[in-house]
Amino acid sequence: MHNQPYHKMYWITQMFKLQMQFSLHL
């Protein structure tokens, strides 16, 4: 079991993109 900071950053970035897209559609 490896906990990489890179993976977390990638996940946060993906979530941020989704939030941005969602906000634009509102």
PDB file of N, CA and C in Angstrom:
ATOM      1  N   MET A   1       0.849  -1.206   0.000  1.00  0.00           N
ATOM      2  CA  MET A   1       0.000   0.000   0.000  1.00  0.00           C
ATOM      3  C   MET A   1       0.882   1.252   0.000  1.00  0.00           C
ATOM      4  N   HIS A   2       0.823   1.975  -1.101  1.00  0.00           N
ATOM      5  CA  HIS A   2       1.659   3.166  -1.210  1.00  0.00           C
ATOM      6  C   HIS A   2       0.793   4.421  -1.287  1.00  0.00           C
ATOM      7  N   ASN A   3       1.157   5.399  -0.508  1.00  0.00           N
ATOM      8  CA  ASN A   3       0.409   6.659  -0.470  1.00  0.00           C
ATOM      9  C   ASN A   3       1.252   7.750  -1.126  1.00  0.00           C
ATOM     10  N   GLN A   4       0.937   8.058  -2.371  1.00  0.00           N
ATOM     11  CA  GLN A   4       1.725   9.048  -3.095  1.00  0.00           C
ATOM     12  C   GLN A   4       1.047  10.418  -3.079  1.00  0.00           C
ATOM     13  N   PRO A   5       1.786  11.474  -2.795  1.00  0.00           N
ATOM     14  CA  PRO A   5       1.230  12.826  -2.797  1.00  0.00           C
ATOM     15  C   PRO A   5       0.784  13.228  -4.207  1.00  0.00           C
ATOM     16  N   TYR A   6       1.496  12.707  -5.209  1.00  0.00           N
ATOM     17  CA  TYR A   6       1.165  13.039  -6.595  1.00  0.00           C
ATOM     18  C   TYR A   6      -0.260  12.605  -6.926  1.00  0.00           C
ATOM     19  N   HIS A   7      -0.609  11.417  -6.496  1.00  0.00           N
ATOM     20  CA  HIS A   7      -1.941  10.885  -6.772  1.00  0.00           C
ATOM     21  C   HIS A   7      -3.008  11.783  -6.143  1.00  0.00           C
ATOM     22  N   LYS A   8      -2.724  12.250  -4.939  1.00  0.00           N
ATOM     23  CA  LYS A   8      -3.678  13.119  -4.254  1.00  0.00           C
ATOM     24  C   LYS A   8      -3.821  14.441  -5.017  1.00  0.00           C
ATOM     25  N   MET A   9      -2.717  14.988  -5.437  1.00  0.00           N
ATOM     26  CA  MET A   9      -2.757  16.241  -6.186  1.00  0.00           C
ATOM     27  C   MET A   9      -3.550  16.068  -7.474  1.00  0.00           C
ATOM     28  N   TYR A  10      -3.336  14.945  -8.148  1.00  0.00           N
ATOM     29  CA  TYR A  10      -4.050  14.670  -9.390  1.00  0.00           C
ATOM     30  C   TYR A  10      -5.548  14.598  -9.130  1.00  0.00           C
ATOM     31  N   TRP A  11      -5.929  13.910  -8.054  1.00  0.00           N
ATOM     32  CA  TRP A  11      -7.336  13.769  -7.701  1.00  0.00           C
ATOM     33  C   TRP A  11      -7.961  15.121  -7.387  1.00  0.00           C
ATOM     34  N   ILE A  12      -7.239  15.950  -6.632  1.00  0.00           N
ATOM     35  CA  ILE A  12      -7.729  17.294  -6.290  1.00  0.00           C
ATOM     36  C   ILE A  12      -7.904  18.119  -7.565  1.00  0.00           C
ATOM     37  N   THR A  13      -6.959  17.993  -8.481  1.00  0.00           N
ATOM     38  CA  THR A  13      -7.046  18.741  -9.737  1.00  0.00           C
ATOM     39  C   THR A  13      -8.266  18.312 -10.536  1.00  0.00           C
ATOM     40  N   GLN A  14      -8.500  17.000 -10.592  1.00  0.00           N
ATOM     41  CA  GLN A  14      -9.659  16.481 -11.319  1.00  0.00           C
ATOM     42  C   GLN A  14     -10.955  17.001 -10.692  1.00  0.00           C
ATOM     43  N   MET A  15     -11.029  16.973  -9.396  1.00  0.00           N
ATOM     44  CA  MET A  15     -12.213  17.462  -8.698  1.00  0.00           C
ATOM     45  C   MET A  15     -12.412  18.951  -8.965  1.00  0.00           C
ATOM     46  N   PHE A  16     -11.324  19.692  -8.956  1.00  0.00           N
ATOM     47  CA  PHE A  16     -11.397  21.124  -9.205  1.00  0.00           C
ATOM     48  C   PHE A  16     -11.933  21.398 -10.610  1.00  0.00           C
ATOM     49  N   LYS A  17     -11.468  20.626 -11.587  1.00  0.00           N
ATOM     50  CA  LYS A  17     -11.946  20.780 -12.969  1.00  0.00           C
ATOM     51  C   LYS A  17     -13.442  20.517 -13.041  1.00  0.00           C
ATOM     52  N   LEU A  18     -13.881  19.459 -12.377  1.00  0.00           N
ATOM     53  CA  LEU A  18     -15.308  19.143 -12.375  1.00  0.00           C
ATOM     54  C   LEU A  18     -16.108  20.269 -11.743  1.00  0.00           C
ATOM     55  N   GLN A  19     -15.607  20.813 -10.660  1.00  0.00           N
ATOM     56  CA  GLN A  19     -16.293  21.918 -10.000  1.00  0.00           C
ATOM     57  C   GLN A  19     -16.403  23.118 -10.938  1.00  0.00           C
ATOM     58  N   MET A  20     -15.341  23.409 -11.644  1.00  0.00           N
ATOM     59  CA  MET A  20     -15.328  24.532 -12.574  1.00  0.00           C
ATOM     60  C   MET A  20     -16.346  24.324 -13.688  1.00  0.00           C
ATOM     61  N   GLN A  21     -16.373  23.131 -14.255  1.00  0.00           N
ATOM     62  CA  GLN A  21     -17.318  22.825 -15.326  1.00  0.00           C
ATOM     63  C   GLN A  21     -18.748  22.938 -14.815  1.00  0.00           C
ATOM     64  N   PHE A  22     -18.984  22.412 -13.641  1.00  0.00           N
ATOM     65  CA  PHE A  22     -20.316  22.455 -13.040  1.00  0.00           C
ATOM     66  C   PHE A  22     -20.755  23.903 -12.822  1.00  0.00           C
ATOM     67  N   SER A  23     -19.827  24.729 -12.340  1.00  0.00           N
ATOM     68  CA  SER A  23     -20.144  26.137 -12.086  1.00  0.00           C
ATOM     69  C   SER A  23     -20.468  26.859 -13.390  1.00  0.00           C
ATOM     70  N   LEU A  24     -19.747  26.535 -14.434  1.00  0.00           N
ATOM     71  CA  LEU A  24     -19.982  27.186 -15.720  1.00  0.00           C
ATOM     72  C   LEU A  24     -21.352  26.834 -16.282  1.00  0.00           C
ATOM     73  N   HIS A  25     -21.816  25.650 -15.996  1.00  0.00           N
ATOM     74  CA  HIS A  25     -23.116  25.221 -16.520  1.00  0.00           C
ATOM     75  C   HIS A  25     -24.289  25.800 -15.743  1.00  0.00           C
ATOM     76  N   LEU A  26     -24.016  26.313 -14.548  1.00  0.00           N
ATOM     77  CA  LEU A  26     -25.115  26.862 -13.747  1.00  0.00           C
ATOM     78  C   LEU A  26     -25.558  28.215 -14.291  1.00  0.00           C
TER      79      LEU A  26
END
